[in-house]
PDB file of N, CA and C in Angstrom:
ATOM      1  N   MET A   1       3.857  12.444   8.964  1.00  0.00           N
ATOM      2  CA  MET A   1       3.773  12.544   7.525  1.00  0.00           C
ATOM      3  C   MET A   1       2.306  12.573   7.110  1.00  0.00           C
ATOM      4  N   CYS A   2       2.042  13.285   6.074  1.00  0.00           N
ATOM      5  CA  CYS A   2       0.671  13.486   5.619  1.00  0.00           C
ATOM      6  C   CYS A   2       0.507  12.946   4.202  1.00  0.00           C
ATOM      7  N   ARG A   3      -0.571  12.185   3.975  1.00  0.00           N
ATOM      8  CA  ARG A   3      -0.868  11.705   2.623  1.00  0.00           C
ATOM      9  C   ARG A   3      -1.352  12.854   1.766  1.00  0.00           C
ATOM     10  N   GLU A   4      -0.961  12.846   0.504  1.00  0.00           N
ATOM     11  CA  GLU A   4      -1.411  13.881  -0.431  1.00  0.00           C
ATOM     12  C   GLU A   4      -1.505  13.276  -1.820  1.00  0.00           C
ATOM     13  N   THR A   5      -2.463  13.758  -2.589  1.00  0.00           N
ATOM     14  CA  THR A   5      -2.658  13.278  -3.959  1.00  0.00           C
ATOM     15  C   THR A   5      -2.142  14.317  -4.935  1.00  0.00           C
ATOM     16  N   LYS A   6      -1.392  13.854  -5.921  1.00  0.00           N
ATOM     17  CA  LYS A   6      -0.898  14.726  -6.979  1.00  0.00           C
ATOM     18  C   LYS A   6      -1.703  14.413  -8.235  1.00  0.00           C
ATOM     19  N   TYR A   7      -2.326  15.430  -8.801  1.00  0.00           N
ATOM     20  CA  TYR A   7      -3.134  15.262  -9.999  1.00  0.00           C
ATOM     21  C   TYR A   7      -2.371  15.759 -11.207  1.00  0.00           C
ATOM     22  N   ALA A   8      -1.834  14.840 -11.958  1.00  0.00           N
ATOM     23  CA  ALA A   8      -1.163  15.167 -13.216  1.00  0.00           C
ATOM     24  C   ALA A   8      -1.381  13.966 -14.121  1.00  0.00           C
ATOM     25  N   GLY A   9      -2.440  14.001 -14.895  1.00  0.00           N
ATOM     26  CA  GLY A   9      -2.820  12.797 -15.642  1.00  0.00           C
ATOM     27  C   GLY A   9      -3.508  11.851 -14.682  1.00  0.00           C
ATOM     28  N   ASP A  10      -2.873  10.742 -14.373  1.00  0.00           N
ATOM     29  CA  ASP A  10      -3.407   9.808 -13.384  1.00  0.00           C
ATOM     30  C   ASP A  10      -3.049  10.306 -11.987  1.00  0.00           C
ATOM     31  N   ALA A  11      -4.032  10.334 -11.100  1.00  0.00           N
ATOM     32  CA  ALA A  11      -3.784  10.766  -9.730  1.00  0.00           C
ATOM     33  C   ALA A  11      -2.963   9.715  -8.999  1.00  0.00           C
ATOM     34  N   LYS A  12      -1.947  10.148  -8.302  1.00  0.00           N
ATOM     35  CA  LYS A  12      -1.099   9.274  -7.499  1.00  0.00           C
ATOM     36  C   LYS A  12      -0.967   9.860  -6.111  1.00  0.00           C
ATOM     37  N   ILE A  13      -0.739   9.002  -5.131  1.00  0.00           N
ATOM     38  CA  ILE A  13      -0.659   9.426  -3.736  1.00  0.00           C
ATOM     39  C   ILE A  13       0.767   9.274  -3.231  1.00  0.00           C
ATOM     40  N   GLY A  14       1.218  10.268  -2.459  1.00  0.00           N
ATOM     41  CA  GLY A  14       2.516  10.232  -1.804  1.00  0.00           C
ATOM     42  C   GLY A  14       2.363  10.812  -0.405  1.00  0.00           C
ATOM     43  N   TYR A  15       3.484  11.144   0.213  1.00  0.00           N
ATOM     44  CA  TYR A  15       3.462  11.644   1.583  1.00  0.00           C
ATOM     45  C   TYR A  15       4.295  12.909   1.679  1.00  0.00           C
ATOM     46  N   LEU A  16       3.734  13.918   2.347  1.00  0.00           N
ATOM     47  CA  LEU A  16       4.425  15.189   2.563  1.00  0.00           C
ATOM     48  C   LEU A  16       5.044  15.225   3.957  1.00  0.00           C
ATOM     49  N   ASN A  17       6.182  15.923   4.078  1.00  0.00           N
ATOM     50  CA  ASN A  17       6.764  16.147   5.398  1.00  0.00           C
ATOM     51  C   ASN A  17       6.142  17.399   6.019  1.00  0.00           C
ATOM     52  N   LYS A  18       6.615  17.780   7.187  1.00  0.00           N
ATOM     53  CA  LYS A  18       6.041  18.936   7.889  1.00  0.00           C
ATOM     54  C   LYS A  18       6.242  20.244   7.144  1.00  0.00           C
ATOM     55  N   ALA A  19       7.255  20.314   6.277  1.00  0.00           N
ATOM     56  CA  ALA A  19       7.516  21.530   5.494  1.00  0.00           C
ATOM     57  C   ALA A  19       6.669  21.586   4.226  1.00  0.00           C
ATOM     58  N   GLY A  20       5.849  20.553   3.993  1.00  0.00           N
ATOM     59  CA  GLY A  20       5.004  20.529   2.808  1.00  0.00           C
ATOM     60  C   GLY A  20       5.717  20.038   1.563  1.00  0.00           C
ATOM     61  N   GLU A  21       6.882  19.417   1.737  1.00  0.00           N
ATOM     62  CA  GLU A  21       7.646  18.869   0.616  1.00  0.00           C
ATOM     63  C   GLU A  21       7.395  17.370   0.526  1.00  0.00           C
ATOM     64  N   TRP A  22       7.589  16.824  -0.669  1.00  0.00           N
ATOM     65  CA  TRP A  22       7.396  15.388  -0.842  1.00  0.00           C
ATOM     66  C   TRP A  22       8.480  14.621  -0.093  1.00  0.00           C
ATOM     67  N   ALA A  23       8.093  13.894   0.947  1.00  0.00           N
ATOM     68  CA  ALA A  23       9.016  13.019   1.665  1.00  0.00           C
ATOM     69  C   ALA A  23       9.070  11.675   0.943  1.00  0.00           C
ATOM     70  N   ILE A  24       7.914  11.249   0.433  1.00  0.00           N
ATOM     71  CA  ILE A  24       7.804  10.035  -0.378  1.00  0.00           C
ATOM     72  C   ILE A  24       6.990  10.436  -1.605  1.00  0.00           C
ATOM     73  N   LYS A  25       7.620  10.356  -2.757  1.00  0.00           N
ATOM     74  CA  LYS A  25       6.990  10.825  -3.996  1.00  0.00           C
ATOM     75  C   LYS A  25       5.681  10.096  -4.279  1.00  0.00           C
ATOM     76  N   PRO A  26       4.750  10.759  -4.964  1.00  0.00           N
ATOM     77  CA  PRO A  26       3.441  10.171  -5.261  1.00  0.00           C
ATOM     78  C   PRO A  26       3.538   9.086  -6.343  1.00  0.00           C
ATOM     79  N   ASN A  27       3.641   7.850  -5.886  1.00  0.00           N
ATOM     80  CA  ASN A  27       3.744   6.699  -6.781  1.00  0.00           C
ATOM     81  C   ASN A  27       2.624   5.688  -6.570  1.00  0.00           C
ATOM     82  N   PHE A  28       1.746   5.919  -5.601  1.00  0.00           N
ATOM     83  CA  PHE A  28       0.797   4.895  -5.167  1.00  0.00           C
ATOM     84  C   PHE A  28      -0.621   5.188  -5.648  1.00  0.00           C
ATOM     85  N   ASP A  29      -1.349   4.130  -5.973  1.00  0.00           N
ATOM     86  CA  ASP A  29      -2.755   4.256  -6.368  1.00  0.00           C
ATOM     87  C   ASP A  29      -3.626   4.493  -5.140  1.00  0.00           C
ATOM     88  N   VAL A  30      -3.308   3.811  -4.048  1.00  0.00           N
ATOM     89  CA  VAL A  30      -4.002   3.952  -2.765  1.00  0.00           C
ATOM     90  C   VAL A  30      -2.933   3.908  -1.688  1.00  0.00           C
ATOM     91  N   ALA A  31      -3.084   4.693  -0.642  1.00  0.00           N
ATOM     92  CA  ALA A  31      -2.126   4.697   0.465  1.00  0.00           C
ATOM     93  C   ALA A  31      -2.876   4.941   1.766  1.00  0.00           C
ATOM     94  N   LYS A  32      -2.482   4.207   2.799  1.00  0.00           N
ATOM     95  CA  LYS A  32      -3.076   4.387   4.123  1.00  0.00           C
ATOM     96  C   LYS A  32      -2.136   5.212   4.988  1.00  0.00           C
ATOM     97  N   ASP A  33      -2.650   5.697   6.105  1.00  0.00           N
ATOM     98  CA  ASP A  33      -1.837   6.474   7.038  1.00  0.00           C
ATOM     99  C   ASP A  33      -0.745   5.605   7.649  1.00  0.00           C
ATOM    100  N   PHE A  34       0.327   6.245   8.083  1.00  0.00           N
ATOM    101  CA  PHE A  34       1.388   5.538   8.782  1.00  0.00           C
ATOM    102  C   PHE A  34       0.929   5.170  10.181  1.00  0.00           C
ATOM    103  N   ASP A  35       1.315   3.987  10.622  1.00  0.00           N
ATOM    104  CA  ASP A  35       1.035   3.506  11.969  1.00  0.00           C
ATOM    105  C   ASP A  35       2.314   2.850  12.472  1.00  0.00           C
ATOM    106  N   ASN A  36       2.896   3.403  13.538  1.00  0.00           N
ATOM    107  CA  ASN A  36       4.159   2.894  14.080  1.00  0.00           C
ATOM    108  C   ASN A  36       5.266   2.851  13.027  1.00  0.00           C
ATOM    109  N   GLY A  37       5.265   3.820  12.107  1.00  0.00           N
ATOM    110  CA  GLY A  37       6.330   3.928  11.124  1.00  0.00           C
ATOM    111  C   GLY A  37       6.136   3.121   9.854  1.00  0.00           C
ATOM    112  N   TYR A  38       4.960   2.526   9.667  1.00  0.00           N
ATOM    113  CA  TYR A  38       4.690   1.711   8.483  1.00  0.00           C
ATOM    114  C   TYR A  38       3.334   2.081   7.884  1.00  0.00           C
ATOM    115  N   ALA A  39       3.224   1.967   6.556  1.00  0.00           N
ATOM    116  CA  ALA A  39       1.953   2.252   5.879  1.00  0.00           C
ATOM    117  C   ALA A  39       1.725   1.224   4.780  1.00  0.00           C
ATOM    118  N   ALA A  40       0.475   0.825   4.630  1.00  0.00           N
ATOM    119  CA  ALA A  40       0.083  -0.059   3.533  1.00  0.00           C
ATOM    120  C   ALA A  40      -0.195   0.801   2.307  1.00  0.00           C
ATOM    121  N   VAL A  41       0.324   0.379   1.157  1.00  0.00           N
ATOM    122  CA  VAL A  41       0.128   1.112  -0.093  1.00  0.00           C
ATOM    123  C   VAL A  41      -0.222   0.126  -1.210  1.00  0.00           C
ATOM    124  N   ARG A  42      -0.940   0.626  -2.218  1.00  0.00           N
ATOM    125  CA  ARG A  42      -1.353  -0.239  -3.328  1.00  0.00           C
ATOM    126  C   ARG A  42      -0.871   0.338  -4.651  1.00  0.00           C
ATOM    127  N   ILE A  43      -0.312  -0.545  -5.478  1.00  0.00           N
ATOM    128  CA  ILE A  43       0.084  -0.221  -6.843  1.00  0.00           C
ATOM    129  C   ILE A  43      -0.430  -1.346  -7.733  1.00  0.00           C
ATOM    130  N   ASN A  44      -1.109  -0.985  -8.821  1.00  0.00           N
ATOM    131  CA  ASN A  44      -1.634  -1.981  -9.772  1.00  0.00           C
ATOM    132  C   ASN A  44      -2.438  -3.084  -9.087  1.00  0.00           C
ATOM    133  N   ASN A  45      -3.316  -2.684  -8.159  1.00  0.00           N
ATOM    134  CA  ASN A  45      -4.231  -3.585  -7.450  1.00  0.00           C
ATOM    135  C   ASN A  45      -3.553  -4.563  -6.507  1.00  0.00           C
ATOM    136  N   LEU A  46      -2.277  -4.361  -6.185  1.00  0.00           N
ATOM    137  CA  LEU A  46      -1.584  -5.207  -5.217  1.00  0.00           C
ATOM    138  C   LEU A  46      -1.031  -4.346  -4.091  1.00  0.00           C
ATOM    139  N   TRP A  47      -1.124  -4.862  -2.863  1.00  0.00           N
ATOM    140  CA  TRP A  47      -0.724  -4.137  -1.666  1.00  0.00           C
ATOM    141  C   TRP A  47       0.655  -4.553  -1.180  1.00  0.00           C
ATOM    142  N   GLY A  48       1.342  -3.604  -0.557  1.00  0.00           N
ATOM    143  CA  GLY A  48       2.603  -3.842   0.121  1.00  0.00           C
ATOM    144  C   GLY A  48       2.702  -2.883   1.295  1.00  0.00           C
ATOM    145  N   ILE A  49       3.842  -2.907   1.979  1.00  0.00           N
ATOM    146  CA  ILE A  49       4.047  -2.034   3.135  1.00  0.00           C
ATOM    147  C   ILE A  49       5.375  -1.309   2.965  1.00  0.00           C
ATOM    148  N   ILE A  50       5.354   0.003   3.258  1.00  0.00           N
ATOM    149  CA  ILE A  50       6.564   0.819   3.226  1.00  0.00           C
ATOM    150  C   ILE A  50       6.853   1.378   4.615  1.00  0.00           C
ATOM    151  N   ASN A  51       8.100   1.820   4.809  1.00  0.00           N
ATOM    152  CA  ASN A  51       8.440   2.536   6.038  1.00  0.00           C
ATOM    153  C   ASN A  51       8.433   4.035   5.746  1.00  0.00           C
ATOM    154  N   THR A  52       8.786   4.847   6.723  1.00  0.00           N
ATOM    155  CA  THR A  52       8.721   6.302   6.565  1.00  0.00           C
ATOM    156  C   THR A  52       9.778   6.859   5.615  1.00  0.00           C
ATOM    157  N   LYS A  53      10.729   6.029   5.197  1.00  0.00           N
ATOM    158  CA  LYS A  53      11.717   6.434   4.194  1.00  0.00           C
ATOM    159  C   LYS A  53      11.263   6.060   2.786  1.00  0.00           C
ATOM    160  N   GLY A  54      10.114   5.385   2.690  1.00  0.00           N
ATOM    161  CA  GLY A  54       9.612   4.944   1.393  1.00  0.00           C
ATOM    162  C   GLY A  54      10.205   3.629   0.936  1.00  0.00           C
ATOM    163  N   GLU A  55      10.919   2.946   1.833  1.00  0.00           N
ATOM    164  CA  GLU A  55      11.527   1.658   1.508  1.00  0.00           C
ATOM    165  C   GLU A  55      10.495   0.548   1.677  1.00  0.00           C
ATOM    166  N   TRP A  56      10.552  -0.423   0.794  1.00  0.00           N
ATOM    167  CA  TRP A  56       9.608  -1.536   0.860  1.00  0.00           C
ATOM    168  C   TRP A  56       9.966  -2.477   2.006  1.00  0.00           C
ATOM    169  N   ILE A  57       8.992  -2.735   2.851  1.00  0.00           N
ATOM    170  CA  ILE A  57       9.118  -3.720   3.914  1.00  0.00           C
ATOM    171  C   ILE A  57       8.520  -5.035   3.414  1.00  0.00           C
ATOM    172  N   LEU A  58       7.374  -4.942   2.762  1.00  0.00           N
ATOM    173  CA  LEU A  58       6.743  -6.060   2.049  1.00  0.00           C
ATOM    174  C   LEU A  58       6.436  -5.581   0.645  1.00  0.00           C
ATOM    175  N   GLU A  59       6.972  -6.245  -0.345  1.00  0.00           N
ATOM    176  CA  GLU A  59       6.729  -5.879  -1.747  1.00  0.00           C
ATOM    177  C   GLU A  59       5.241  -5.993  -2.086  1.00  0.00           C
ATOM    178  N   THR A  60       4.825  -5.305  -3.128  1.00  0.00           N
ATOM    179  CA  THR A  60       3.425  -5.344  -3.552  1.00  0.00           C
ATOM    180  C   THR A  60       3.132  -6.678  -4.232  1.00  0.00           C
ATOM    181  N   LYS A  61       2.545  -7.590  -3.476  1.00  0.00           N
ATOM    182  CA  LYS A  61       2.155  -8.888  -4.016  1.00  0.00           C
ATOM    183  C   LYS A  61       0.903  -9.444  -3.340  1.00  0.00           C
ATOM    184  N   TYR A  62       0.267  -8.641  -2.510  1.00  0.00           N
ATOM    185  CA  TYR A  62      -0.881  -9.091  -1.737  1.00  0.00           C
ATOM    186  C   TYR A  62      -2.175  -8.487  -2.276  1.00  0.00           C
ATOM    187  N   ASP A  63      -3.225  -9.301  -2.295  1.00  0.00           N
ATOM    188  CA  ASP A  63      -4.534  -8.834  -2.752  1.00  0.00           C
ATOM    189  C   ASP A  63      -5.143  -7.821  -1.791  1.00  0.00           C
ATOM    190  N   ASP A  64      -4.820  -7.941  -0.505  1.00  0.00           N
ATOM    191  CA  ASP A  64      -5.390  -7.036   0.495  1.00  0.00           C
ATOM    192  C   ASP A  64      -4.507  -7.051   1.739  1.00  0.00           C
ATOM    193  N   ILE A  65      -4.449  -5.940   2.409  1.00  0.00           N
ATOM    194  CA  ILE A  65      -3.820  -5.850   3.733  1.00  0.00           C
ATOM    195  C   ILE A  65      -4.813  -5.121   4.608  1.00  0.00           C
ATOM    196  N   LYS A  66      -5.410  -5.836   5.542  1.00  0.00           N
ATOM    197  CA  LYS A  66      -6.446  -5.251   6.392  1.00  0.00           C
ATOM    198  C   LYS A  66      -5.848  -4.499   7.563  1.00  0.00           C
ATOM    199  N   GLY A  67      -5.020  -5.122   8.312  1.00  0.00           N
ATOM    200  CA  GLY A  67      -4.383  -4.512   9.453  1.00  0.00           C
ATOM    201  C   GLY A  67      -3.089  -5.244   9.721  1.00  0.00           C
ATOM    202  N   PHE A  68      -2.142  -4.557  10.257  1.00  0.00           N
ATOM    203  CA  PHE A  68      -0.882  -5.223  10.566  1.00  0.00           C
ATOM    204  C   PHE A  68      -0.321  -4.617  11.833  1.00  0.00           C
ATOM    205  N   TYR A  69       0.423  -5.392  12.538  1.00  0.00           N
ATOM    206  CA  TYR A  69       0.986  -4.973  13.803  1.00  0.00           C
ATOM    207  C   TYR A  69       2.471  -5.302  13.807  1.00  0.00           C
ATOM    208  N   PRO A  70       3.320  -4.323  13.474  1.00  0.00           N
ATOM    209  CA  PRO A  70       4.757  -4.592  13.450  1.00  0.00           C
ATOM    210  C   PRO A  70       5.259  -4.939  14.858  1.00  0.00           C
ATOM    211  N   VAL A  71       6.103  -5.931  14.930  1.00  0.00           N
ATOM    212  CA  VAL A  71       6.675  -6.366  16.213  1.00  0.00           C
ATOM    213  C   VAL A  71       8.182  -6.341  16.071  1.00  0.00           C
ATOM    214  N   ASN A  72       8.837  -5.718  17.001  1.00  0.00           N
ATOM    215  CA  ASN A  72      10.304  -5.684  16.992  1.00  0.00           C
ATOM    216  C   ASN A  72      10.864  -6.867  17.731  1.00  0.00           C
TER     217      ASN A  72
END
């Protein structure tokens, strides 16, 4: 998945699939690349983590997320 910014008023970041379609709609102020199926994203100055389906793994309530290592 590829991060992309949509510029319509306020710029928001989402993720495109290989066909160039929005896999995860642009709802984020800041978004990091996916690592092992998870990405850190920021909305309203708070960070959370999503999976490749755009589902919240950790809700946005953190001041910062530096690095994370998902363990099964």
